[in-house]
Amino acid sequence: MSKNIPFNHSKLLVVVTSLPSLDAAKGLARALVEQNLAACAQLTEGIHSIYRWEGKICEEQEVLLSAKTIEAKWLEILAFIQSAHPYDLPEILAFSPEQHERQYGAWVESEVNSKS
């Protein structure tokens, strides 16, 4: 039997995924912000990933995308990234900071809830 975990709609989330190129990361980041799924997205180039895929050890240069959103947008942002991502099985992780600056959190919430 699973426990019901309380859901805080306005809780700040940082959603992370990796992409194969800066162009792919920019395109996804822009789409997330334009569709009000994220208030902002930051890109970090130069990520060197080593992983096992289909029985082989792979090494790739990637770009890390970090999008700021709220818990109420989790299912939407998850579905959007899954549908728009170039990888068959993209890394999509969400973290909720224990602490954050209150005004920043309010800004993120207002941006993803705006209709523009």
PDB file of N, CA and C in Angstrom:
ATOM      1  N   MET A   1       0.848  -1.177   0.000  1.00  0.00           N
ATOM      2  CA  MET A   1       0.000   0.000   0.000  1.00  0.00           C
ATOM      3  C   MET A   1       0.894   1.241   0.000  1.00  0.00           C
ATOM      4  N   SER A   2       0.649   2.177  -0.892  1.00  0.00           N
ATOM      5  CA  SER A   2       1.473   3.385  -0.949  1.00  0.00           C
ATOM      6  C   SER A   2       0.867   4.476  -0.084  1.00  0.00           C
ATOM      7  N   LYS A   3       1.766   5.276   0.438  1.00  0.00           N
ATOM      8  CA  LYS A   3       1.322   6.407   1.250  1.00  0.00           C
ATOM      9  C   LYS A   3       1.021   7.585   0.337  1.00  0.00           C
ATOM     10  N   ASN A   4       0.057   8.373   0.737  1.00  0.00           N
ATOM     11  CA  ASN A   4      -0.218   9.608   0.006  1.00  0.00           C
ATOM     12  C   ASN A   4       0.747  10.677   0.502  1.00  0.00           C
ATOM     13  N   ILE A   5       1.566  11.172  -0.414  1.00  0.00           N
ATOM     14  CA  ILE A   5       2.518  12.218  -0.073  1.00  0.00           C
ATOM     15  C   ILE A   5       1.837  13.553  -0.328  1.00  0.00           C
ATOM     16  N   PRO A   6       1.910  14.474   0.643  1.00  0.00           N
ATOM     17  CA  PRO A   6       1.270  15.786   0.445  1.00  0.00           C
ATOM     18  C   PRO A   6       1.815  16.477  -0.807  1.00  0.00           C
ATOM     19  N   PHE A   7       0.932  17.105  -1.530  1.00  0.00           N
ATOM     20  CA  PHE A   7       1.283  17.792  -2.763  1.00  0.00           C
ATOM     21  C   PHE A   7       1.173  19.289  -2.532  1.00  0.00           C
ATOM     22  N   ASN A   8       2.267  19.992  -2.710  1.00  0.00           N
ATOM     23  CA  ASN A   8       2.300  21.443  -2.545  1.00  0.00           C
ATOM     24  C   ASN A   8       2.413  22.057  -3.941  1.00  0.00           C
ATOM     25  N   HIS A   9       1.315  22.542  -4.476  1.00  0.00           N
ATOM     26  CA  HIS A   9       1.266  23.037  -5.859  1.00  0.00           C
ATOM     27  C   HIS A   9       2.288  24.126  -6.157  1.00  0.00           C
ATOM     28  N   SER A  10       2.634  24.942  -5.173  1.00  0.00           N
ATOM     29  CA  SER A  10       3.543  26.052  -5.434  1.00  0.00           C
ATOM     30  C   SER A  10       4.986  25.754  -5.024  1.00  0.00           C
ATOM     31  N   LYS A  11       5.277  24.532  -4.625  1.00  0.00           N
ATOM     32  CA  LYS A  11       6.631  24.159  -4.218  1.00  0.00           C
ATOM     33  C   LYS A  11       7.579  24.275  -5.409  1.00  0.00           C
ATOM     34  N   LEU A  12       8.705  24.926  -5.198  1.00  0.00           N
ATOM     35  CA  LEU A  12       9.687  25.143  -6.253  1.00  0.00           C
ATOM     36  C   LEU A  12      10.329  23.818  -6.655  1.00  0.00           C
ATOM     37  N   LEU A  13      10.448  23.591  -7.975  1.00  0.00           N
ATOM     38  CA  LEU A  13      11.128  22.415  -8.511  1.00  0.00           C
ATOM     39  C   LEU A  13      12.228  22.858  -9.468  1.00  0.00           C
ATOM     40  N   VAL A  14      13.323  22.140  -9.456  1.00  0.00           N
ATOM     41  CA  VAL A  14      14.379  22.294 -10.441  1.00  0.00           C
ATOM     42  C   VAL A  14      14.373  20.998 -11.244  1.00  0.00           C
ATOM     43  N   VAL A  15      14.055  21.099 -12.516  1.00  0.00           N
ATOM     44  CA  VAL A  15      13.972  19.936 -13.397  1.00  0.00           C
ATOM     45  C   VAL A  15      15.221  19.912 -14.264  1.00  0.00           C
ATOM     46  N   VAL A  16      15.899  18.763 -14.278  1.00  0.00           N
ATOM     47  CA  VAL A  16      17.184  18.637 -14.953  1.00  0.00           C
ATOM     48  C   VAL A  16      17.093  17.569 -16.038  1.00  0.00           C
ATOM     49  N   THR A  17      17.683  17.870 -17.192  1.00  0.00           N
ATOM     50  CA  THR A  17      17.821  16.889 -18.262  1.00  0.00           C
ATOM     51  C   THR A  17      19.112  17.192 -19.015  1.00  0.00           C
ATOM     52  N   SER A  18      19.632  16.206 -19.698  1.00  0.00           N
ATOM     53  CA  SER A  18      20.838  16.411 -20.505  1.00  0.00           C
ATOM     54  C   SER A  18      20.481  16.232 -21.967  1.00  0.00           C
ATOM     55  N   LEU A  19      21.170  17.000 -22.808  1.00  0.00           N
ATOM     56  CA  LEU A  19      20.894  16.989 -24.247  1.00  0.00           C
ATOM     57  C   LEU A  19      22.193  16.863 -25.024  1.00  0.00           C
ATOM     58  N   PRO A  20      22.105  16.422 -26.293  1.00  0.00           N
ATOM     59  CA  PRO A  20      23.316  16.142 -27.063  1.00  0.00           C
ATOM     60  C   PRO A  20      24.055  17.374 -27.596  1.00  0.00           C
ATOM     61  N   SER A  21      23.401  18.532 -27.628  1.00  0.00           N
ATOM     62  CA  SER A  21      24.055  19.715 -28.201  1.00  0.00           C
ATOM     63  C   SER A  21      23.480  20.990 -27.597  1.00  0.00           C
ATOM     64  N   LEU A  22      24.225  22.078 -27.764  1.00  0.00           N
ATOM     65  CA  LEU A  22      23.757  23.377 -27.287  1.00  0.00           C
ATOM     66  C   LEU A  22      22.498  23.799 -28.041  1.00  0.00           C
ATOM     67  N   ASP A  23      22.443  23.546 -29.344  1.00  0.00           N
ATOM     68  CA  ASP A  23      21.252  23.909 -30.123  1.00  0.00           C
ATOM     69  C   ASP A  23      20.011  23.175 -29.626  1.00  0.00           C
ATOM     70  N   ALA A  24      20.151  21.887 -29.352  1.00  0.00           N
ATOM     71  CA  ALA A  24      19.009  21.109 -28.846  1.00  0.00           C
ATOM     72  C   ALA A  24      18.581  21.626 -27.478  1.00  0.00           C
ATOM     73  N   ALA A  25      19.553  21.950 -26.630  1.00  0.00           N
ATOM     74  CA  ALA A  25      19.243  22.452 -25.285  1.00  0.00           C
ATOM     75  C   ALA A  25      18.576  23.826 -25.351  1.00  0.00           C
ATOM     76  N   LYS A  26      19.081  24.701 -26.227  1.00  0.00           N
ATOM     77  CA  LYS A  26      18.471  26.024 -26.382  1.00  0.00           C
ATOM     78  C   LYS A  26      17.032  25.910 -26.877  1.00  0.00           C
ATOM     79  N   GLY A  27      16.806  25.038 -27.838  1.00  0.00           N
ATOM     80  CA  GLY A  27      15.455  24.863 -28.372  1.00  0.00           C
ATOM     81  C   GLY A  27      14.481  24.383 -27.311  1.00  0.00           C
ATOM     82  N   LEU A  28      14.887  23.406 -26.523  1.00  0.00           N
ATOM     83  CA  LEU A  28      14.024  22.888 -25.470  1.00  0.00           C
ATOM     84  C   LEU A  28      13.820  23.928 -24.378  1.00  0.00           C
ATOM     85  N   ALA A  29      14.889  24.618 -23.984  1.00  0.00           N
ATOM     86  CA  ALA A  29      14.786  25.650 -22.946  1.00  0.00           C
ATOM     87  C   ALA A  29      13.821  26.754 -23.366  1.00  0.00           C
ATOM     88  N   ARG A  30      13.967  27.224 -24.593  1.00  0.00           N
ATOM     89  CA  ARG A  30      13.088  28.287 -25.094  1.00  0.00           C
ATOM     90  C   ARG A  30      11.631  27.823 -25.114  1.00  0.00           C
ATOM     91  N   ALA A  31      11.389  26.606 -25.558  1.00  0.00           N
ATOM     92  CA  ALA A  31      10.019  26.075 -25.616  1.00  0.00           C
ATOM     93  C   ALA A  31       9.426  25.965 -24.213  1.00  0.00           C
ATOM     94  N   LEU A  32      10.201  25.517 -23.239  1.00  0.00           N
ATOM     95  CA  LEU A  32       9.707  25.400 -21.863  1.00  0.00           C
ATOM     96  C   LEU A  32       9.290  26.760 -21.304  1.00  0.00           C
ATOM     97  N   VAL A  33      10.093  27.793 -21.579  1.00  0.00           N
ATOM     98  CA  VAL A  33       9.770  29.138 -21.089  1.00  0.00           C
ATOM     99  C   VAL A  33       8.598  29.719 -21.871  1.00  0.00           C
ATOM    100  N   GLU A  34       8.607  29.565 -23.201  1.00  0.00           N
ATOM    101  CA  GLU A  34       7.516  30.107 -24.014  1.00  0.00           C
ATOM    102  C   GLU A  34       6.167  29.499 -23.650  1.00  0.00           C
ATOM    103  N   GLN A  35       6.153  28.234 -23.260  1.00  0.00           N
ATOM    104  CA  GLN A  35       4.891  27.560 -22.941  1.00  0.00           C
ATOM    105  C   GLN A  35       4.554  27.621 -21.451  1.00  0.00           C
ATOM    106  N   ASN A  36       5.256  28.473 -20.723  1.00  0.00           N
ATOM    107  CA  ASN A  36       5.014  28.694 -19.286  1.00  0.00           C
ATOM    108  C   ASN A  36       5.154  27.415 -18.456  1.00  0.00           C
ATOM    109  N   LEU A  37       5.997  26.516 -18.903  1.00  0.00           N
ATOM    110  CA  LEU A  37       6.278  25.323 -18.121  1.00  0.00           C
ATOM    111  C   LEU A  37       7.447  25.561 -17.169  1.00  0.00           C
ATOM    112  N   ALA A  38       8.270  26.544 -17.502  1.00  0.00           N
ATOM    113  CA  ALA A  38       9.402  26.933 -16.657  1.00  0.00           C
ATOM    114  C   ALA A  38       9.528  28.451 -16.674  1.00  0.00           C
ATOM    115  N   ALA A  39       9.952  29.006 -15.552  1.00  0.00           N
ATOM    116  CA  ALA A  39      10.180  30.453 -15.480  1.00  0.00           C
ATOM    117  C   ALA A  39      11.500  30.806 -16.150  1.00  0.00           C
ATOM    118  N   CYS A  40      12.476  29.925 -16.014  1.00  0.00           N
ATOM    119  CA  CYS A  40      13.771  30.117 -16.656  1.00  0.00           C
ATOM    120  C   CYS A  40      14.448  28.770 -16.805  1.00  0.00           C
ATOM    121  N   ALA A  41      15.427  28.723 -17.675  1.00  0.00           N
ATOM    122  CA  ALA A  41      16.224  27.515 -17.864  1.00  0.00           C
ATOM    123  C   ALA A  41      17.671  27.936 -18.043  1.00  0.00           C
ATOM    124  N   GLN A  42      18.542  27.213 -17.406  1.00  0.00           N
ATOM    125  CA  GLN A  42      19.972  27.485 -17.512  1.00  0.00           C
ATOM    126  C   GLN A  42      20.643  26.308 -18.197  1.00  0.00           C
ATOM    127  N   LEU A  43      21.640  26.607 -19.021  1.00  0.00           N
ATOM    128  CA  LEU A  43      22.339  25.588 -19.787  1.00  0.00           C
ATOM    129  C   LEU A  43      23.801  25.555 -19.364  1.00  0.00           C
ATOM    130  N   THR A  44      24.319  24.362 -19.157  1.00  0.00           N
ATOM    131  CA  THR A  44      25.719  24.188 -18.789  1.00  0.00           C
ATOM    132  C   THR A  44      26.358  23.274 -19.827  1.00  0.00           C
ATOM    133  N   GLU A  45      27.310  23.837 -20.568  1.00  0.00           N
ATOM    134  CA  GLU A  45      28.016  23.054 -21.582  1.00  0.00           C
ATOM    135  C   GLU A  45      29.178  22.297 -20.947  1.00  0.00           C
ATOM    136  N   GLY A  46      29.719  21.346 -21.699  1.00  0.00           N
ATOM    137  CA  GLY A  46      30.934  20.666 -21.282  1.00  0.00           C
ATOM    138  C   GLY A  46      30.721  19.513 -20.327  1.00  0.00           C
ATOM    139  N   ILE A  47      29.507  18.992 -20.249  1.00  0.00           N
ATOM    140  CA  ILE A  47      29.239  17.839 -19.401  1.00  0.00           C
ATOM    141  C   ILE A  47      29.760  16.597 -20.132  1.00  0.00           C
ATOM    142  N   HIS A  48      30.561  15.809 -19.464  1.00  0.00           N
ATOM    143  CA  HIS A  48      31.084  14.579 -20.045  1.00  0.00           C
ATOM    144  C   HIS A  48      30.379  13.416 -19.366  1.00  0.00           C
ATOM    145  N   SER A  49      29.561  12.702 -20.112  1.00  0.00           N
ATOM    146  CA  SER A  49      28.762  11.609 -19.556  1.00  0.00           C
ATOM    147  C   SER A  49      29.338  10.258 -19.970  1.00  0.00           C
ATOM    148  N   ILE A  50      29.392   9.359 -19.011  1.00  0.00           N
ATOM    149  CA  ILE A  50      29.797   7.979 -19.252  1.00  0.00           C
ATOM    150  C   ILE A  50      28.668   7.103 -18.720  1.00  0.00           C
ATOM    151  N   TYR A  51      28.137   6.232 -19.565  1.00  0.00           N
ATOM    152  CA  TYR A  51      26.975   5.434 -19.176  1.00  0.00           C
ATOM    153  C   TYR A  51      26.944   4.133 -19.973  1.00  0.00           C
ATOM    154  N   ARG A  52      26.143   3.200 -19.496  1.00  0.00           N
ATOM    155  CA  ARG A  52      25.941   1.946 -20.230  1.00  0.00           C
ATOM    156  C   ARG A  52      24.595   2.057 -20.948  1.00  0.00           C
ATOM    157  N   TRP A  53      24.603   1.762 -22.253  1.00  0.00           N
ATOM    158  CA  TRP A  53      23.377   1.780 -23.033  1.00  0.00           C
ATOM    159  C   TRP A  53      23.378   0.575 -23.955  1.00  0.00           C
ATOM    160  N   GLU A  54      22.346  -0.228 -23.834  1.00  0.00           N
ATOM    161  CA  GLU A  54      22.176  -1.430 -24.645  1.00  0.00           C
ATOM    162  C   GLU A  54      23.430  -2.308 -24.607  1.00  0.00           C
ATOM    163  N   GLY A  55      23.991  -2.460 -23.403  1.00  0.00           N
ATOM    164  CA  GLY A  55      25.126  -3.344 -23.186  1.00  0.00           C
ATOM    165  C   GLY A  55      26.492  -2.778 -23.497  1.00  0.00           C
ATOM    166  N   LYS A  56      26.558  -1.541 -23.984  1.00  0.00           N
ATOM    167  CA  LYS A  56      27.844  -0.931 -24.322  1.00  0.00           C
ATOM    168  C   LYS A  56      28.119   0.264 -23.421  1.00  0.00           C
ATOM    169  N   ILE A  57      29.393   0.477 -23.097  1.00  0.00           N
ATOM    170  CA  ILE A  57      29.806   1.676 -22.359  1.00  0.00           C
ATOM    171  C   ILE A  57      29.949   2.803 -23.381  1.00  0.00           C
ATOM    172  N   CYS A  58      29.267   3.911 -23.122  1.00  0.00           N
ATOM    173  CA  CYS A  58      29.274   5.068 -24.027  1.00  0.00           C
ATOM    174  C   CYS A  58      29.865   6.285 -23.321  1.00  0.00           C
ATOM    175  N   GLU A  59      30.467   7.150 -24.093  1.00  0.00           N
ATOM    176  CA  GLU A  59      30.962   8.435 -23.585  1.00  0.00           C
ATOM    177  C   GLU A  59      30.494   9.516 -24.548  1.00  0.00           C
ATOM    178  N   GLU A  60      29.901  10.564 -23.997  1.00  0.00           N
ATOM    179  CA  GLU A  60      29.356  11.641 -24.823  1.00  0.00           C
ATOM    180  C   GLU A  60      29.587  12.997 -24.160  1.00  0.00           C
ATOM    181  N   GLN A  61      29.730  14.012 -24.961  1.00  0.00           N
ATOM    182  CA  GLN A  61      29.683  15.393 -24.487  1.00  0.00           C
ATOM    183  C   GLN A  61      28.219  15.801 -24.518  1.00  0.00           C
ATOM    184  N   GLU A  62      27.745  16.409 -23.446  1.00  0.00           N
ATOM    185  CA  GLU A  62      26.344  16.810 -23.378  1.00  0.00           C
ATOM    186  C   GLU A  62      26.218  18.216 -22.807  1.00  0.00           C
ATOM    187  N   VAL A  63      25.009  18.719 -22.882  1.00  0.00           N
ATOM    188  CA  VAL A  63      24.652  20.009 -22.285  1.00  0.00           C
ATOM    189  C   VAL A  63      23.587  19.736 -21.237  1.00  0.00           C
ATOM    190  N   LEU A  64      23.777  20.272 -20.048  1.00  0.00           N
ATOM    191  CA  LEU A  64      22.823  20.084 -18.960  1.00  0.00           C
ATOM    192  C   LEU A  64      21.838  21.246 -18.954  1.00  0.00           C
ATOM    193  N   LEU A  65      20.554  20.927 -18.957  1.00  0.00           N
ATOM    194  CA  LEU A  65      19.490  21.929 -18.882  1.00  0.00           C
ATOM    195  C   LEU A  65      18.863  21.839 -17.494  1.00  0.00           C
ATOM    196  N   SER A  66      18.752  22.982 -16.845  1.00  0.00           N
ATOM    197  CA  SER A  66      18.157  23.072 -15.510  1.00  0.00           C
ATOM    198  C   SER A  66      17.016  24.079 -15.589  1.00  0.00           C
ATOM    199  N   ALA A  67      15.777  23.595 -15.433  1.00  0.00           N
ATOM    200  CA  ALA A  67      14.591  24.456 -15.574  1.00  0.00           C
ATOM    201  C   ALA A  67      13.948  24.677 -14.214  1.00  0.00           C
ATOM    202  N   LYS A  68      13.553  25.917 -13.937  1.00  0.00           N
ATOM    203  CA  LYS A  68      12.889  26.256 -12.674  1.00  0.00           C
ATOM    204  C   LYS A  68      11.388  26.329 -12.893  1.00  0.00           C
ATOM    205  N   THR A  69      10.654  25.561 -12.090  1.00  0.00           N
ATOM    206  CA  THR A  69       9.205  25.499 -12.207  1.00  0.00           C
ATOM    207  C   THR A  69       8.610  25.235 -10.823  1.00  0.00           C
ATOM    208  N   ILE A  70       7.334  24.843 -10.804  1.00  0.00           N
ATOM    209  CA  ILE A  70       6.678  24.505  -9.535  1.00  0.00           C
ATOM    210  C   ILE A  70       6.087  23.101  -9.640  1.00  0.00           C
ATOM    211  N   GLU A  71       5.817  22.512  -8.489  1.00  0.00           N
ATOM    212  CA  GLU A  71       5.328  21.135  -8.441  1.00  0.00           C
ATOM    213  C   GLU A  71       4.040  20.939  -9.247  1.00  0.00           C
ATOM    214  N   ALA A  72       3.186  21.935  -9.288  1.00  0.00           N
ATOM    215  CA  ALA A  72       1.927  21.821 -10.039  1.00  0.00           C
ATOM    216  C   ALA A  72       2.166  21.618 -11.531  1.00  0.00           C
ATOM    217  N   LYS A  73       3.337  21.980 -12.038  1.00  0.00           N
ATOM    218  CA  LYS A  73       3.658  21.839 -13.462  1.00  0.00           C
ATOM    219  C   LYS A  73       4.421  20.552 -13.768  1.00  0.00           C
ATOM    220  N   TRP A  74       4.712  19.739 -12.743  1.00  0.00           N
ATOM    221  CA  TRP A  74       5.559  18.563 -12.932  1.00  0.00           C
ATOM    222  C   TRP A  74       5.069  17.629 -14.037  1.00  0.00           C
ATOM    223  N   LEU A  75       3.826  17.224 -14.018  1.00  0.00           N
ATOM    224  CA  LEU A  75       3.348  16.274 -15.022  1.00  0.00           C
ATOM    225  C   LEU A  75       3.375  16.865 -16.420  1.00  0.00           C
ATOM    226  N   GLU A  76       3.069  18.145 -16.525  1.00  0.00           N
ATOM    227  CA  GLU A  76       3.101  18.824 -17.829  1.00  0.00           C
ATOM    228  C   GLU A  76       4.511  18.928 -18.377  1.00  0.00           C
ATOM    229  N   ILE A  77       5.452  19.366 -17.528  1.00  0.00           N
ATOM    230  CA  ILE A  77       6.834  19.542 -17.990  1.00  0.00           C
ATOM    231  C   ILE A  77       7.457  18.186 -18.302  1.00  0.00           C
ATOM    232  N   LEU A  78       7.136  17.172 -17.507  1.00  0.00           N
ATOM    233  CA  LEU A  78       7.623  15.822 -17.751  1.00  0.00           C
ATOM    234  C   LEU A  78       7.149  15.329 -19.120  1.00  0.00           C
ATOM    235  N   ALA A  79       5.867  15.436 -19.389  1.00  0.00           N
ATOM    236  CA  ALA A  79       5.308  14.977 -20.666  1.00  0.00           C
ATOM    237  C   ALA A  79       5.894  15.764 -21.837  1.00  0.00           C
ATOM    238  N   PHE A  80       6.068  17.078 -21.658  1.00  0.00           N
ATOM    239  CA  PHE A  80       6.613  17.897 -22.737  1.00  0.00           C
ATOM    240  C   PHE A  80       8.051  17.501 -23.056  1.00  0.00           C
ATOM    241  N   ILE A  81       8.880  17.350 -22.016  1.00  0.00           N
ATOM    242  CA  ILE A  81      10.273  16.970 -22.248  1.00  0.00           C
ATOM    243  C   ILE A  81      10.341  15.592 -22.901  1.00  0.00           C
ATOM    244  N   GLN A  82       9.542  14.651 -22.427  1.00  0.00           N
ATOM    245  CA  GLN A  82       9.535  13.310 -23.028  1.00  0.00           C
ATOM    246  C   GLN A  82       9.190  13.362 -24.509  1.00  0.00           C
ATOM    247  N   SER A  83       8.225  14.194 -24.871  1.00  0.00           N
ATOM    248  CA  SER A  83       7.802  14.250 -26.281  1.00  0.00           C
ATOM    249  C   SER A  83       8.768  15.038 -27.155  1.00  0.00           C
ATOM    250  N   ALA A  84       9.459  16.028 -26.595  1.00  0.00           N
ATOM    251  CA  ALA A  84      10.326  16.899 -27.394  1.00  0.00           C
ATOM    252  C   ALA A  84      11.797  16.485 -27.370  1.00  0.00           C
ATOM    253  N   HIS A  85      12.163  15.592 -26.495  1.00  0.00           N
ATOM    254  CA  HIS A  85      13.572  15.235 -26.296  1.00  0.00           C
ATOM    255  C   HIS A  85      14.078  14.324 -27.415  1.00  0.00           C
ATOM    256  N   PRO A  86      15.315  14.539 -27.873  1.00  0.00           N
ATOM    257  CA  PRO A  86      15.843  13.697 -28.948  1.00  0.00           C
ATOM    258  C   PRO A  86      16.276  12.293 -28.504  1.00  0.00           C
ATOM    259  N   TYR A  87      16.456  12.061 -27.209  1.00  0.00           N
ATOM    260  CA  TYR A  87      16.885  10.741 -26.741  1.00  0.00           C
ATOM    261  C   TYR A  87      15.696   9.791 -26.591  1.00  0.00           C
ATOM    262  N   ASP A  88      15.942   8.498 -26.775  1.00  0.00           N
ATOM    263  CA  ASP A  88      14.916   7.483 -26.562  1.00  0.00           C
ATOM    264  C   ASP A  88      14.480   7.437 -25.102  1.00  0.00           C
ATOM    265  N   LEU A  89      15.445   7.563 -24.193  1.00  0.00           N
ATOM    266  CA  LEU A  89      15.174   7.517 -22.766  1.00  0.00           C
ATOM    267  C   LEU A  89      15.911   8.671 -22.094  1.00  0.00           C
ATOM    268  N   PRO A  90      15.302   9.861 -22.093  1.00  0.00           N
ATOM    269  CA  PRO A  90      15.992  11.018 -21.524  1.00  0.00           C
ATOM    270  C   PRO A  90      16.045  10.978 -19.995  1.00  0.00           C
ATOM    271  N   GLU A  91      17.129  11.503 -19.482  1.00  0.00           N
ATOM    272  CA  GLU A  91      17.234  11.745 -18.039  1.00  0.00           C
ATOM    273  C   GLU A  91      16.308  12.914 -17.726  1.00  0.00           C
ATOM    274  N   ILE A  92      15.360  12.711 -16.838  1.00  0.00           N
ATOM    275  CA  ILE A  92      14.488  13.802 -16.389  1.00  0.00           C
ATOM    276  C   ILE A  92      14.370  13.650 -14.881  1.00  0.00           C
ATOM    277  N   LEU A  93      15.016  14.547 -14.171  1.00  0.00           N
ATOM    278  CA  LEU A  93      15.041  14.515 -12.711  1.00  0.00           C
ATOM    279  C   LEU A  93      14.456  15.804 -12.178  1.00  0.00           C
ATOM    280  N   ALA A  94      13.760  15.726 -11.064  1.00  0.00           N
ATOM    281  CA  ALA A  94      13.225  16.928 -10.418  1.00  0.00           C
ATOM    282  C   ALA A  94      13.678  16.955  -8.966  1.00  0.00           C
ATOM    283  N   PHE A  95      14.140  18.110  -8.556  1.00  0.00           N
ATOM    284  CA  PHE A  95      14.588  18.323  -7.190  1.00  0.00           C
ATOM    285  C   PHE A  95      13.841  19.515  -6.613  1.00  0.00           C
ATOM    286  N   SER A  96      13.524  19.417  -5.353  1.00  0.00           N
ATOM    287  CA  SER A  96      12.883  20.531  -4.677  1.00  0.00           C
ATOM    288  C   SER A  96      13.838  21.045  -3.606  1.00  0.00           C
ATOM    289  N   PRO A  97      14.301  22.281  -3.737  1.00  0.00           N
ATOM    290  CA  PRO A  97      15.220  22.804  -2.734  1.00  0.00           C
ATOM    291  C   PRO A  97      14.534  22.946  -1.375  1.00  0.00           C
ATOM    292  N   GLU A  98      15.258  22.588  -0.333  1.00  0.00           N
ATOM    293  CA  GLU A  98      14.705  22.753   1.010  1.00  0.00           C
ATOM    294  C   GLU A  98      14.509  24.231   1.342  1.00  0.00           C
ATOM    295  N   GLN A  99      15.416  25.032   0.864  1.00  0.00           N
ATOM    296  CA  GLN A  99      15.358  26.473   1.123  1.00  0.00           C
ATOM    297  C   GLN A  99      15.575  27.220  -0.189  1.00  0.00           C
ATOM    298  N   HIS A 100      14.917  28.349  -0.314  1.00  0.00           N
ATOM    299  CA  HIS A 100      15.158  29.247  -1.446  1.00  0.00           C
ATOM    300  C   HIS A 100      14.676  30.628  -1.061  1.00  0.00           C
ATOM    301  N   GLU A 101      15.162  31.608  -1.765  1.00  0.00           N
ATOM    302  CA  GLU A 101      14.771  32.991  -1.501  1.00  0.00           C
ATOM    303  C   GLU A 101      13.287  33.149  -1.853  1.00  0.00           C
ATOM    304  N   ARG A 102      12.510  33.653  -0.941  1.00  0.00           N
ATOM    305  CA  ARG A 102      11.055  33.740  -1.067  1.00  0.00           C
ATOM    306  C   ARG A 102      10.607  34.486  -2.314  1.00  0.00           C
ATOM    307  N   GLN A 103      11.205  35.634  -2.589  1.00  0.00           N
ATOM    308  CA  GLN A 103      10.780  36.415  -3.757  1.00  0.00           C
ATOM    309  C   GLN A 103      11.093  35.689  -5.065  1.00  0.00           C
ATOM    310  N   TYR A 104      12.199  34.951  -5.097  1.00  0.00           N
ATOM    311  CA  TYR A 104      12.530  34.180  -6.289  1.00  0.00           C
ATOM    312  C   TYR A 104      11.472  33.095  -6.521  1.00  0.00           C
ATOM    313  N   GLY A 105      11.106  32.395  -5.461  1.00  0.00           N
ATOM    314  CA  GLY A 105      10.067  31.370  -5.573  1.00  0.00           C
ATOM    315  C   GLY A 105       8.745  31.951  -6.045  1.00  0.00           C
ATOM    316  N   ALA A 106       8.405  33.130  -5.538  1.00  0.00           N
ATOM    317  CA  ALA A 106       7.162  33.793  -5.954  1.00  0.00           C
ATOM    318  C   ALA A 106       7.237  34.185  -7.436  1.00  0.00           C
ATOM    319  N   TRP A 107       8.408  34.627  -7.877  1.00  0.00           N
ATOM    320  CA  TRP A 107       8.584  34.986  -9.285  1.00  0.00           C
ATOM    321  C   TRP A 107       8.407  33.758 -10.179  1.00  0.00           C
ATOM    322  N   VAL A 108       9.043  32.635  -9.816  1.00  0.00           N
ATOM    323  CA  VAL A 108       8.901  31.404 -10.597  1.00  0.00           C
ATOM    324  C   VAL A 108       7.426  31.025 -10.701  1.00  0.00           C
ATOM    325  N   GLU A 109       6.731  31.041  -9.560  1.00  0.00           N
ATOM    326  CA  GLU A 109       5.317  30.678  -9.553  1.00  0.00           C
ATOM    327  C   GLU A 109       4.493  31.609 -10.435  1.00  0.00           C
ATOM    328  N   SER A 110       4.748  32.908 -10.364  1.00  0.00           N
ATOM    329  CA  SER A 110       3.962  33.846 -11.179  1.00  0.00           C
ATOM    330  C   SER A 110       4.251  33.673 -12.658  1.00  0.00           C
ATOM    331  N   GLU A 111       5.493  33.372 -13.018  1.00  0.00           N
ATOM    332  CA  GLU A 111       5.841  33.182 -14.432  1.00  0.00           C
ATOM    333  C   GLU A 111       5.179  31.950 -15.029  1.00  0.00           C
ATOM    334  N   VAL A 112       5.203  30.840 -14.333  1.00  0.00           N
ATOM    335  CA  VAL A 112       4.631  29.626 -14.912  1.00  0.00           C
ATOM    336  C   VAL A 112       3.113  29.637 -14.869  1.00  0.00           C
ATOM    337  N   ASN A 113       2.529  30.507 -14.039  1.00  0.00           N
ATOM    338  CA  ASN A 113       1.077  30.631 -13.984  1.00  0.00           C
ATOM    339  C   ASN A 113       0.532  31.766 -14.839  1.00  0.00           C
ATOM    340  N   SER A 114       1.431  32.537 -15.491  1.00  0.00           N
ATOM    341  CA  SER A 114       0.961  33.635 -16.320  1.00  0.00           C
ATOM    342  C   SER A 114       0.396  33.099 -17.629  1.00  0.00           C
ATOM    343  N   LYS A 115      -0.454  33.865 -18.238  1.00  0.00           N
ATOM    344  CA  LYS A 115      -1.123  33.445 -19.477  1.00  0.00           C
ATOM    345  C   LYS A 115      -0.437  33.995 -20.718  1.00  0.00           C
ATOM    346  N   SER A 116       0.648  34.721 -20.549  1.00  0.00           N
ATOM    347  CA  SER A 116       1.309  35.321 -21.730  1.00  0.00           C
ATOM    348  C   SER A 116       2.160  34.368 -22.493  1.00  0.00           C
TER     349      SER A 116
END
